[in-house]
Amino acid sequence: MATAFLEFISVFTALTSLVLCATCKEEIKFSRSASRGLGFKISLQCGCDDVTYINSSPFINKSFEINRRIDRSERRVSCASMEARTARKSERASENSQFEVEEGTLYEAGIAD
């Protein structure tokens, strides 16, 4: 399932003028509430004074799925960059030791000029 993002105000402003409550036949007002990271609840309110809430993405174990996906992606990127840094560091170290073998020690404490 692909995740898509909506520009909340534009989409739901347009829907407000098109959607009517099945009970009272009045327009439904959409608003954003209960934000947690990138996830939030959409509240629907009409003349019936009933408020209905819809999750913007699946809500699993006290967290919106979109937030879990972002966290997982950030961890993957962090691990990958750490592995790349470690690889570069070990490559430089082996390169430096190879230079020392080829040219001998160029500078060291106690070597006279």
PDB file of N, CA and C in Angstrom:
ATOM      1  N   MET A   1       0.844  -1.173   0.000  1.00  0.00           N
ATOM      2  CA  MET A   1       0.000   0.000   0.000  1.00  0.00           C
ATOM      3  C   MET A   1       0.890   1.235   0.000  1.00  0.00           C
ATOM      4  N   ALA A   2       0.726   2.091  -0.978  1.00  0.00           N
ATOM      5  CA  ALA A   2       1.524   3.315  -1.081  1.00  0.00           C
ATOM      6  C   ALA A   2       0.922   4.398  -0.193  1.00  0.00           C
ATOM      7  N   THR A   3       1.792   5.190   0.409  1.00  0.00           N
ATOM      8  CA  THR A   3       1.337   6.291   1.248  1.00  0.00           C
ATOM      9  C   THR A   3       1.284   7.552   0.409  1.00  0.00           C
ATOM     10  N   ALA A   4       0.204   8.309   0.548  1.00  0.00           N
ATOM     11  CA  ALA A   4       0.057   9.566  -0.179  1.00  0.00           C
ATOM     12  C   ALA A   4      -0.233  10.665   0.829  1.00  0.00           C
ATOM     13  N   PHE A   5       0.222  11.853   0.524  1.00  0.00           N
ATOM     14  CA  PHE A   5      -0.008  12.989   1.400  1.00  0.00           C
ATOM     15  C   PHE A   5      -1.035  13.919   0.759  1.00  0.00           C
ATOM     16  N   LEU A   6      -1.873  14.509   1.591  1.00  0.00           N
ATOM     17  CA  LEU A   6      -2.882  15.460   1.131  1.00  0.00           C
ATOM     18  C   LEU A   6      -2.608  16.824   1.736  1.00  0.00           C
ATOM     19  N   GLU A   7      -2.912  17.859   1.006  1.00  0.00           N
ATOM     20  CA  GLU A   7      -2.888  19.205   1.574  1.00  0.00           C
ATOM     21  C   GLU A   7      -4.263  19.374   2.208  1.00  0.00           C
ATOM     22  N   PHE A   8      -4.292  19.215   3.522  1.00  0.00           N
ATOM     23  CA  PHE A   8      -5.522  19.077   4.296  1.00  0.00           C
ATOM     24  C   PHE A   8      -6.541  20.180   4.025  1.00  0.00           C
ATOM     25  N   ILE A   9      -6.152  21.429   4.133  1.00  0.00           N
ATOM     26  CA  ILE A   9      -7.103  22.545   4.046  1.00  0.00           C
ATOM     27  C   ILE A   9      -7.774  22.607   2.675  1.00  0.00           C
ATOM     28  N   SER A  10      -7.012  22.477   1.612  1.00  0.00           N
ATOM     29  CA  SER A  10      -7.596  22.555   0.266  1.00  0.00           C
ATOM     30  C   SER A  10      -8.601  21.440   0.011  1.00  0.00           C
ATOM     31  N   VAL A  11      -8.212  20.219   0.320  1.00  0.00           N
ATOM     32  CA  VAL A  11      -9.071  19.071   0.035  1.00  0.00           C
ATOM     33  C   VAL A  11     -10.352  19.122   0.853  1.00  0.00           C
ATOM     34  N   PHE A  12     -10.225  19.352   2.136  1.00  0.00           N
ATOM     35  CA  PHE A  12     -11.407  19.284   2.989  1.00  0.00           C
ATOM     36  C   PHE A  12     -12.277  20.536   2.916  1.00  0.00           C
ATOM     37  N   THR A  13     -11.730  21.656   2.486  1.00  0.00           N
ATOM     38  CA  THR A  13     -12.568  22.830   2.224  1.00  0.00           C
ATOM     39  C   THR A  13     -13.474  22.540   1.033  1.00  0.00           C
ATOM     40  N   ALA A  14     -12.926  21.907   0.019  1.00  0.00           N
ATOM     41  CA  ALA A  14     -13.725  21.539  -1.156  1.00  0.00           C
ATOM     42  C   ALA A  14     -14.784  20.498  -0.786  1.00  0.00           C
ATOM     43  N   LEU A  15     -14.424  19.517   0.017  1.00  0.00           N
ATOM     44  CA  LEU A  15     -15.376  18.483   0.420  1.00  0.00           C
ATOM     45  C   LEU A  15     -16.513  19.028   1.286  1.00  0.00           C
ATOM     46  N   THR A  16     -16.213  20.026   2.103  1.00  0.00           N
ATOM     47  CA  THR A  16     -17.229  20.601   2.988  1.00  0.00           C
ATOM     48  C   THR A  16     -18.445  21.075   2.212  1.00  0.00           C
ATOM     49  N   SER A  17     -18.225  21.676   1.072  1.00  0.00           N
ATOM     50  CA  SER A  17     -19.352  22.198   0.295  1.00  0.00           C
ATOM     51  C   SER A  17     -20.106  21.097  -0.457  1.00  0.00           C
ATOM     52  N   LEU A  18     -19.541  19.906  -0.536  1.00  0.00           N
ATOM     53  CA  LEU A  18     -20.165  18.815  -1.289  1.00  0.00           C
ATOM     54  C   LEU A  18     -20.854  17.760  -0.421  1.00  0.00           C
ATOM     55  N   VAL A  19     -20.448  17.647   0.836  1.00  0.00           N
ATOM     56  CA  VAL A  19     -20.931  16.574   1.697  1.00  0.00           C
ATOM     57  C   VAL A  19     -21.984  17.089   2.673  1.00  0.00           C
ATOM     58  N   LEU A  20     -23.082  16.351   2.775  1.00  0.00           N
ATOM     59  CA  LEU A  20     -24.163  16.683   3.712  1.00  0.00           C
ATOM     60  C   LEU A  20     -24.336  15.540   4.703  1.00  0.00           C
ATOM     61  N   CYS A  21     -24.755  15.881   5.920  1.00  0.00           N
ATOM     62  CA  CYS A  21     -25.029  14.887   6.948  1.00  0.00           C
ATOM     63  C   CYS A  21     -26.279  14.089   6.550  1.00  0.00           C
ATOM     64  N   ALA A  22     -26.226  12.784   6.711  1.00  0.00           N
ATOM     65  CA  ALA A  22     -27.362  11.926   6.349  1.00  0.00           C
ATOM     66  C   ALA A  22     -28.548  12.127   7.296  1.00  0.00           C
ATOM     67  N   THR A  23     -28.295  12.565   8.534  1.00  0.00           N
ATOM     68  CA  THR A  23     -29.354  12.725   9.523  1.00  0.00           C
ATOM     69  C   THR A  23     -30.023  14.090   9.441  1.00  0.00           C
ATOM     70  N   CYS A  24     -29.229  15.172   9.546  1.00  0.00           N
ATOM     71  CA  CYS A  24     -29.805  16.522   9.617  1.00  0.00           C
ATOM     72  C   CYS A  24     -29.756  17.277   8.287  1.00  0.00           C
ATOM     73  N   LYS A  25     -29.122  16.716   7.287  1.00  0.00           N
ATOM     74  CA  LYS A  25     -29.017  17.299   5.940  1.00  0.00           C
ATOM     75  C   LYS A  25     -28.276  18.647   5.912  1.00  0.00           C
ATOM     76  N   GLU A  26     -27.429  18.895   6.893  1.00  0.00           N
ATOM     77  CA  GLU A  26     -26.615  20.112   6.918  1.00  0.00           C
ATOM     78  C   GLU A  26     -25.198  19.784   6.466  1.00  0.00           C
ATOM     79  N   GLU A  27     -24.443  20.851   6.115  1.00  0.00           N
ATOM     80  CA  GLU A  27     -23.053  20.650   5.692  1.00  0.00           C
ATOM     81  C   GLU A  27     -22.221  20.115   6.853  1.00  0.00           C
ATOM     82  N   ILE A  28     -21.256  19.295   6.514  1.00  0.00           N
ATOM     83  CA  ILE A  28     -20.328  18.752   7.506  1.00  0.00           C
ATOM     84  C   ILE A  28     -19.070  19.607   7.483  1.00  0.00           C
ATOM     85  N   LYS A  29     -18.612  19.988   8.661  1.00  0.00           N
ATOM     86  CA  LYS A  29     -17.372  20.766   8.786  1.00  0.00           C
ATOM     87  C   LYS A  29     -16.243  19.816   9.163  1.00  0.00           C
ATOM     88  N   PHE A  30     -15.167  19.889   8.388  1.00  0.00           N
ATOM     89  CA  PHE A  30     -13.985  19.073   8.642  1.00  0.00           C
ATOM     90  C   PHE A  30     -12.952  19.914   9.368  1.00  0.00           C
ATOM     91  N   SER A  31     -12.261  19.325  10.325  1.00  0.00           N
ATOM     92  CA  SER A  31     -11.143  20.021  10.970  1.00  0.00           C
ATOM     93  C   SER A  31     -10.111  18.991  11.419  1.00  0.00           C
ATOM     94  N   ARG A  32      -8.954  19.485  11.703  1.00  0.00           N
ATOM     95  CA  ARG A  32      -7.832  18.630  12.111  1.00  0.00           C
ATOM     96  C   ARG A  32      -7.713  18.699  13.629  1.00  0.00           C
ATOM     97  N   SER A  33      -7.573  17.543  14.262  1.00  0.00           N
ATOM     98  CA  SER A  33      -7.414  17.538  15.717  1.00  0.00           C
ATOM     99  C   SER A  33      -6.500  16.398  16.136  1.00  0.00           C
ATOM    100  N   ALA A  34      -6.075  16.438  17.381  1.00  0.00           N
ATOM    101  CA  ALA A  34      -5.253  15.376  17.987  1.00  0.00           C
ATOM    102  C   ALA A  34      -4.037  15.020  17.131  1.00  0.00           C
ATOM    103  N   SER A  35      -3.208  16.004  16.824  1.00  0.00           N
ATOM    104  CA  SER A  35      -1.996  15.752  16.028  1.00  0.00           C
ATOM    105  C   SER A  35      -0.947  15.035  16.862  1.00  0.00           C
ATOM    106  N   ARG A  36      -0.322  14.047  16.248  1.00  0.00           N
ATOM    107  CA  ARG A  36       0.825  13.335  16.836  1.00  0.00           C
ATOM    108  C   ARG A  36       1.821  13.117  15.717  1.00  0.00           C
ATOM    109  N   GLY A  37       2.845  13.917  15.667  1.00  0.00           N
ATOM    110  CA  GLY A  37       3.816  13.818  14.583  1.00  0.00           C
ATOM    111  C   GLY A  37       3.139  14.147  13.264  1.00  0.00           C
ATOM    112  N   LEU A  38       3.249  13.244  12.289  1.00  0.00           N
ATOM    113  CA  LEU A  38       2.600  13.452  10.996  1.00  0.00           C
ATOM    114  C   LEU A  38       1.174  12.906  10.975  1.00  0.00           C
ATOM    115  N   GLY A  39       0.795  12.145  11.977  1.00  0.00           N
ATOM    116  CA  GLY A  39      -0.554  11.593  12.056  1.00  0.00           C
ATOM    117  C   GLY A  39      -1.479  12.535  12.808  1.00  0.00           C
ATOM    118  N   PHE A  40      -2.760  12.463  12.496  1.00  0.00           N
ATOM    119  CA  PHE A  40      -3.755  13.296  13.175  1.00  0.00           C
ATOM    120  C   PHE A  40      -5.125  12.685  13.008  1.00  0.00           C
ATOM    121  N   LYS A  41      -6.105  13.251  13.700  1.00  0.00           N
ATOM    122  CA  LYS A  41      -7.487  12.823  13.540  1.00  0.00           C
ATOM    123  C   LYS A  41      -8.243  13.897  12.785  1.00  0.00           C
ATOM    124  N   ILE A  42      -9.119  13.462  11.904  1.00  0.00           N
ATOM    125  CA  ILE A  42      -9.994  14.377  11.174  1.00  0.00           C
ATOM    126  C   ILE A  42     -11.321  14.368  11.915  1.00  0.00           C
ATOM    127  N   SER A  43     -11.771  15.531  12.350  1.00  0.00           N
ATOM    128  CA  SER A  43     -13.066  15.579  13.031  1.00  0.00           C
ATOM    129  C   SER A  43     -14.114  16.101  12.065  1.00  0.00           C
ATOM    130  N   LEU A  44     -15.276  15.453  12.092  1.00  0.00           N
ATOM    131  CA  LEU A  44     -16.405  15.829  11.250  1.00  0.00           C
ATOM    132  C   LEU A  44     -17.535  16.270  12.173  1.00  0.00           C
ATOM    133  N   GLN A  45     -18.038  17.485  11.945  1.00  0.00           N
ATOM    134  CA  GLN A  45     -19.091  18.010  12.804  1.00  0.00           C
ATOM    135  C   GLN A  45     -20.184  18.642  11.947  1.00  0.00           C
ATOM    136  N   CYS A  46     -21.441  18.418  12.354  1.00  0.00           N
ATOM    137  CA  CYS A  46     -22.568  18.982  11.618  1.00  0.00           C
ATOM    138  C   CYS A  46     -23.574  19.570  12.607  1.00  0.00           C
ATOM    139  N   GLY A  47     -24.772  19.844  12.147  1.00  0.00           N
ATOM    140  CA  GLY A  47     -25.810  20.424  12.998  1.00  0.00           C
ATOM    141  C   GLY A  47     -26.343  19.479  14.053  1.00  0.00           C
ATOM    142  N   CYS A  48     -26.082  18.190  13.944  1.00  0.00           N
ATOM    143  CA  CYS A  48     -26.559  17.197  14.919  1.00  0.00           C
ATOM    144  C   CYS A  48     -25.789  17.276  16.236  1.00  0.00           C
ATOM    145  N   ASP A  49     -24.746  18.056  16.275  1.00  0.00           N
ATOM    146  CA  ASP A  49     -23.838  18.158  17.426  1.00  0.00           C
ATOM    147  C   ASP A  49     -23.084  16.863  17.697  1.00  0.00           C
ATOM    148  N   ASP A  50     -23.127  15.943  16.762  1.00  0.00           N
ATOM    149  CA  ASP A  50     -22.316  14.740  16.866  1.00  0.00           C
ATOM    150  C   ASP A  50     -20.970  15.023  16.204  1.00  0.00           C
ATOM    151  N   VAL A  51     -19.894  14.619  16.870  1.00  0.00           N
ATOM    152  CA  VAL A  51     -18.559  14.771  16.296  1.00  0.00           C
ATOM    153  C   VAL A  51     -18.021  13.363  16.030  1.00  0.00           C
ATOM    154  N   THR A  52     -17.595  13.135  14.819  1.00  0.00           N
ATOM    155  CA  THR A  52     -17.016  11.852  14.429  1.00  0.00           C
ATOM    156  C   THR A  52     -15.540  12.081  14.120  1.00  0.00           C
ATOM    157  N   TYR A  53     -14.697  11.144  14.546  1.00  0.00           N
ATOM    158  CA  TYR A  53     -13.261  11.254  14.309  1.00  0.00           C
ATOM    159  C   TYR A  53     -12.800  10.130  13.389  1.00  0.00           C
ATOM    160  N   ILE A  54     -11.930  10.491  12.457  1.00  0.00           N
ATOM    161  CA  ILE A  54     -11.330   9.524  11.530  1.00  0.00           C
ATOM    162  C   ILE A  54      -9.814   9.694  11.616  1.00  0.00           C
ATOM    163  N   ASN A  55      -9.093   8.592  11.768  1.00  0.00           N
ATOM    164  CA  ASN A  55      -7.627   8.657  11.799  1.00  0.00           C
ATOM    165  C   ASN A  55      -7.081   8.921  10.404  1.00  0.00           C
ATOM    166  N   SER A  56      -6.055   9.759  10.321  1.00  0.00           N
ATOM    167  CA  SER A  56      -5.448  10.080   9.021  1.00  0.00           C
ATOM    168  C   SER A  56      -4.637   8.918   8.463  1.00  0.00           C
ATOM    169  N   SER A  57      -4.189   8.037   9.328  1.00  0.00           N
ATOM    170  CA  SER A  57      -3.506   6.809   8.921  1.00  0.00           C
ATOM    171  C   SER A  57      -3.808   5.775  10.003  1.00  0.00           C
ATOM    172  N   PRO A  58      -3.537   4.498   9.747  1.00  0.00           N
ATOM    173  CA  PRO A  58      -3.834   3.490  10.765  1.00  0.00           C
ATOM    174  C   PRO A  58      -3.169   3.820  12.096  1.00  0.00           C
ATOM    175  N   PHE A  59      -3.892   3.591  13.183  1.00  0.00           N
ATOM    176  CA  PHE A  59      -3.411   3.877  14.538  1.00  0.00           C
ATOM    177  C   PHE A  59      -3.143   2.530  15.205  1.00  0.00           C
ATOM    178  N   ILE A  60      -1.860   2.223  15.444  1.00  0.00           N
ATOM    179  CA  ILE A  60      -1.468   0.924  15.969  1.00  0.00           C
ATOM    180  C   ILE A  60      -0.679   1.105  17.261  1.00  0.00           C
ATOM    181  N   ASN A  61      -1.148   0.485  18.325  1.00  0.00           N
ATOM    182  CA  ASN A  61      -0.457   0.525  19.627  1.00  0.00           C
ATOM    183  C   ASN A  61      -0.039   1.937  20.034  1.00  0.00           C
ATOM    184  N   LYS A  62      -0.975   2.839  20.116  1.00  0.00           N
ATOM    185  CA  LYS A  62      -0.767   4.219  20.580  1.00  0.00           C
ATOM    186  C   LYS A  62       0.089   5.072  19.654  1.00  0.00           C
ATOM    187  N   SER A  63       0.184   4.710  18.391  1.00  0.00           N
ATOM    188  CA  SER A  63       0.992   5.492  17.454  1.00  0.00           C
ATOM    189  C   SER A  63       0.423   5.376  16.044  1.00  0.00           C
ATOM    190  N   PHE A  64       0.517   6.481  15.310  1.00  0.00           N
ATOM    191  CA  PHE A  64       0.093   6.449  13.908  1.00  0.00           C
ATOM    192  C   PHE A  64       1.155   5.729  13.079  1.00  0.00           C
ATOM    193  N   GLU A  65       0.709   4.917  12.119  1.00  0.00           N
ATOM    194  CA  GLU A  65       1.619   4.136  11.287  1.00  0.00           C
ATOM    195  C   GLU A  65       2.613   5.026  10.534  1.00  0.00           C
ATOM    196  N   ILE A  66       2.182   6.187  10.072  1.00  0.00           N
ATOM    197  CA  ILE A  66       3.073   7.079   9.313  1.00  0.00           C
ATOM    198  C   ILE A  66       4.281   7.482  10.162  1.00  0.00           C
ATOM    199  N   ASN A  67       4.063   7.715  11.462  1.00  0.00           N
ATOM    200  CA  ASN A  67       5.177   8.075  12.346  1.00  0.00           C
ATOM    201  C   ASN A  67       6.148   6.910  12.504  1.00  0.00           C
ATOM    202  N   ARG A  68       5.611   5.700  12.602  1.00  0.00           N
ATOM    203  CA  ARG A  68       6.471   4.519  12.707  1.00  0.00           C
ATOM    204  C   ARG A  68       7.300   4.335  11.442  1.00  0.00           C
ATOM    205  N   ARG A  69       6.688   4.574  10.291  1.00  0.00           N
ATOM    206  CA  ARG A  69       7.425   4.443   9.021  1.00  0.00           C
ATOM    207  C   ARG A  69       8.559   5.448   8.933  1.00  0.00           C
ATOM    208  N   ILE A  70       8.286   6.681   9.335  1.00  0.00           N
ATOM    209  CA  ILE A  70       9.325   7.727   9.307  1.00  0.00           C
ATOM    210  C   ILE A  70      10.461   7.354  10.256  1.00  0.00           C
ATOM    211  N   ASP A  71      10.128   6.912  11.478  1.00  0.00           N
ATOM    212  CA  ASP A  71      11.159   6.504  12.443  1.00  0.00           C
ATOM    213  C   ASP A  71      12.020   5.381  11.880  1.00  0.00           C
ATOM    214  N   ARG A  72      11.378   4.377  11.289  1.00  0.00           N
ATOM    215  CA  ARG A  72      12.096   3.241  10.718  1.00  0.00           C
ATOM    216  C   ARG A  72      13.038   3.699   9.607  1.00  0.00           C
ATOM    217  N   SER A  73      12.565   4.594   8.752  1.00  0.00           N
ATOM    218  CA  SER A  73      13.403   5.101   7.655  1.00  0.00           C
ATOM    219  C   SER A  73      14.598   5.879   8.186  1.00  0.00           C
ATOM    220  N   GLU A  74      14.356   6.703   9.211  1.00  0.00           N
ATOM    221  CA  GLU A  74      15.465   7.472   9.792  1.00  0.00           C
ATOM    222  C   GLU A  74      16.515   6.552  10.395  1.00  0.00           C
ATOM    223  N   ARG A  75      16.075   5.477  11.054  1.00  0.00           N
ATOM    224  CA  ARG A  75      17.027   4.521  11.626  1.00  0.00           C
ATOM    225  C   ARG A  75      17.836   3.826  10.540  1.00  0.00           C
ATOM    226  N   ARG A  76      17.172   3.460   9.451  1.00  0.00           N
ATOM    227  CA  ARG A  76      17.891   2.803   8.340  1.00  0.00           C
ATOM    228  C   ARG A  76      18.939   3.723   7.743  1.00  0.00           C
ATOM    229  N   VAL A  77      18.579   4.968   7.526  1.00  0.00           N
ATOM    230  CA  VAL A  77      19.515   5.941   6.959  1.00  0.00           C
ATOM    231  C   VAL A  77      20.684   6.150   7.916  1.00  0.00           C
ATOM    232  N   SER A  78      20.397   6.250   9.198  1.00  0.00           N
ATOM    233  CA  SER A  78      21.441   6.459  10.199  1.00  0.00           C
ATOM    234  C   SER A  78      22.415   5.279  10.220  1.00  0.00           C
ATOM    235  N   CYS A  79      21.894   4.054  10.191  1.00  0.00           N
ATOM    236  CA  CYS A  79      22.759   2.859  10.192  1.00  0.00           C
ATOM    237  C   CYS A  79      23.606   2.798   8.923  1.00  0.00           C
ATOM    238  N   ALA A  80      23.005   3.109   7.784  1.00  0.00           N
ATOM    239  CA  ALA A  80      23.728   3.063   6.511  1.00  0.00           C
ATOM    240  C   ALA A  80      24.853   4.090   6.494  1.00  0.00           C
ATOM    241  N   SER A  81      24.591   5.296   6.994  1.00  0.00           N
ATOM    242  CA  SER A  81      25.637   6.320   6.981  1.00  0.00           C
ATOM    243  C   SER A  81      26.751   5.976   7.975  1.00  0.00           C
ATOM    244  N   MET A  82      26.390   5.347   9.097  1.00  0.00           N
ATOM    245  CA  MET A  82      27.405   4.943  10.059  1.00  0.00           C
ATOM    246  C   MET A  82      28.301   3.854   9.452  1.00  0.00           C
ATOM    247  N   GLU A  83      27.710   2.905   8.737  1.00  0.00           N
ATOM    248  CA  GLU A  83      28.503   1.861   8.086  1.00  0.00           C
ATOM    249  C   GLU A  83      29.422   2.452   7.021  1.00  0.00           C
ATOM    250  N   ALA A  84      28.932   3.443   6.281  1.00  0.00           N
ATOM    251  CA  ALA A  84      29.751   4.087   5.250  1.00  0.00           C
ATOM    252  C   ALA A  84      30.926   4.829   5.889  1.00  0.00           C
ATOM    253  N   ARG A  85      30.682   5.530   6.997  1.00  0.00           N
ATOM    254  CA  ARG A  85      31.767   6.236   7.698  1.00  0.00           C
ATOM    255  C   ARG A  85      32.818   5.257   8.198  1.00  0.00           C
ATOM    256  N   THR A  86      32.379   4.148   8.760  1.00  0.00           N
ATOM    257  CA  THR A  86      33.305   3.133   9.264  1.00  0.00           C
ATOM    258  C   THR A  86      34.127   2.549   8.134  1.00  0.00           C
ATOM    259  N   ALA A  87      33.496   2.290   6.991  1.00  0.00           N
ATOM    260  CA  ALA A  87      34.216   1.742   5.830  1.00  0.00           C
ATOM    261  C   ALA A  87      35.262   2.733   5.329  1.00  0.00           C
ATOM    262  N   ARG A  88      34.891   4.023   5.248  1.00  0.00           N
ATOM    263  CA  ARG A  88      35.861   5.041   4.796  1.00  0.00           C
ATOM    264  C   ARG A  88      37.029   5.151   5.765  1.00  0.00           C
ATOM    265  N   LYS A  89      36.735   5.099   7.046  1.00  0.00           N
ATOM    266  CA  LYS A  89      37.781   5.219   8.061  1.00  0.00           C
ATOM    267  C   LYS A  89      38.763   4.050   7.969  1.00  0.00           C
ATOM    268  N   SER A  90      38.258   2.838   7.821  1.00  0.00           N
ATOM    269  CA  SER A  90      39.152   1.680   7.730  1.00  0.00           C
ATOM    270  C   SER A  90      39.932   1.689   6.416  1.00  0.00           C
ATOM    271  N   GLU A  91      39.300   2.184   5.347  1.00  0.00           N
ATOM    272  CA  GLU A  91      39.993   2.295   4.061  1.00  0.00           C
ATOM    273  C   GLU A  91      41.157   3.270   4.173  1.00  0.00           C
ATOM    274  N   ARG A  92      40.931   4.414   4.822  1.00  0.00           N
ATOM    275  CA  ARG A  92      42.010   5.397   5.011  1.00  0.00           C
ATOM    276  C   ARG A  92      43.127   4.829   5.872  1.00  0.00           C
ATOM    277  N   ALA A  93      42.764   4.091   6.912  1.00  0.00           N
ATOM    278  CA  ALA A  93      43.779   3.510   7.806  1.00  0.00           C
ATOM    279  C   ALA A  93      44.646   2.501   7.050  1.00  0.00           C
ATOM    280  N   SER A  94      44.021   1.656   6.225  1.00  0.00           N
ATOM    281  CA  SER A  94      44.815   0.683   5.467  1.00  0.00           C
ATOM    282  C   SER A  94      45.678   1.384   4.419  1.00  0.00           C
ATOM    283  N   GLU A  95      45.149   2.455   3.836  1.00  0.00           N
ATOM    284  CA  GLU A  95      45.902   3.235   2.861  1.00  0.00           C
ATOM    285  C   GLU A  95      47.135   3.861   3.527  1.00  0.00           C
ATOM    286  N   ASN A  96      46.953   4.430   4.718  1.00  0.00           N
ATOM    287  CA  ASN A  96      48.074   5.049   5.446  1.00  0.00           C
ATOM    288  C   ASN A  96      49.126   4.016   5.835  1.00  0.00           C
ATOM    289  N   SER A  97      48.687   2.839   6.273  1.00  0.00           N
ATOM    290  CA  SER A  97      49.673   1.816   6.641  1.00  0.00           C
ATOM    291  C   SER A  97      50.431   1.326   5.405  1.00  0.00           C
ATOM    292  N   GLN A  98      49.768   1.297   4.253  1.00  0.00           N
ATOM    293  CA  GLN A  98      50.435   0.906   3.006  1.00  0.00           C
ATOM    294  C   GLN A  98      51.489   1.951   2.621  1.00  0.00           C
ATOM    295  N   PHE A  99      51.172   3.248   2.800  1.00  0.00           N
ATOM    296  CA  PHE A  99      52.146   4.311   2.516  1.00  0.00           C
ATOM    297  C   PHE A  99      53.356   4.187   3.426  1.00  0.00           C
ATOM    298  N   GLU A 100      53.129   3.851   4.700  1.00  0.00           N
ATOM    299  CA  GLU A 100      54.248   3.715   5.635  1.00  0.00           C
ATOM    300  C   GLU A 100      55.165   2.583   5.210  1.00  0.00           C
ATOM    301  N   VAL A 101      54.590   1.494   4.706  1.00  0.00           N
ATOM    302  CA  VAL A 101      55.389   0.358   4.261  1.00  0.00           C
ATOM    303  C   VAL A 101      56.207   0.747   3.031  1.00  0.00           C
ATOM    304  N   GLU A 102      55.590   1.468   2.080  1.00  0.00           N
ATOM    305  CA  GLU A 102      56.275   1.849   0.847  1.00  0.00           C
ATOM    306  C   GLU A 102      57.358   2.895   1.086  1.00  0.00           C
ATOM    307  N   GLU A 103      57.056   3.939   1.867  1.00  0.00           N
ATOM    308  CA  GLU A 103      57.964   5.087   2.000  1.00  0.00           C
ATOM    309  C   GLU A 103      58.725   5.100   3.328  1.00  0.00           C
ATOM    310  N   GLY A 104      58.339   4.285   4.247  1.00  0.00           N
ATOM    311  CA  GLY A 104      58.948   4.337   5.555  1.00  0.00           C
ATOM    312  C   GLY A 104      58.281   5.448   6.379  1.00  0.00           C
ATOM    313  N   THR A 105      58.629   5.511   7.618  1.00  0.00           N
ATOM    314  CA  THR A 105      58.039   6.518   8.483  1.00  0.00           C
ATOM    315  C   THR A 105      58.592   7.881   8.109  1.00  0.00           C
ATOM    316  N   LEU A 106      57.695   8.832   7.774  1.00  0.00           N
ATOM    317  CA  LEU A 106      58.118  10.160   7.364  1.00  0.00           C
ATOM    318  C   LEU A 106      58.334  11.084   8.556  1.00  0.00           C
ATOM    319  N   TYR A 107      57.555  10.905   9.577  1.00  0.00           N
ATOM    320  CA  TYR A 107      57.708  11.749  10.755  1.00  0.00           C
ATOM    321  C   TYR A 107      57.360  10.931  11.964  1.00  0.00           C
ATOM    322  N   GLU A 108      58.150  11.083  12.973  1.00  0.00           N
ATOM    323  CA  GLU A 108      57.899  10.420  14.223  1.00  0.00           C
ATOM    324  C   GLU A 108      58.672  11.150  15.287  1.00  0.00           C
ATOM    325  N   ALA A 109      58.227  11.093  16.485  1.00  0.00           N
ATOM    326  CA  ALA A 109      58.942  11.778  17.561  1.00  0.00           C
ATOM    327  C   ALA A 109      60.366  11.206  17.651  1.00  0.00           C
ATOM    328  N   GLY A 110      61.349  12.099  17.739  1.00  0.00           N
ATOM    329  CA  GLY A 110      62.738  11.679  17.884  1.00  0.00           C
ATOM    330  C   GLY A 110      63.504  11.592  16.581  1.00  0.00           C
ATOM    331  N   ILE A 111      62.841  11.726  15.424  1.00  0.00           N
ATOM    332  CA  ILE A 111      63.544  11.702  14.145  1.00  0.00           C
ATOM    333  C   ILE A 111      64.142  13.088  13.915  1.00  0.00           C
ATOM    334  N   ALA A 112      65.422  13.147  13.678  1.00  0.00           N
ATOM    335  CA  ALA A 112      66.079  14.437  13.446  1.00  0.00           C
ATOM    336  C   ALA A 112      65.919  14.830  11.987  1.00  0.00           C
ATOM    337  N   ASP A 113      65.823  16.141  11.767  1.00  0.00           N
ATOM    338  CA  ASP A 113      65.682  16.627  10.387  1.00  0.00           C
ATOM    339  C   ASP A 113      66.960  16.539   9.632  1.00  0.00           C
TER     340      ASP A 113
END
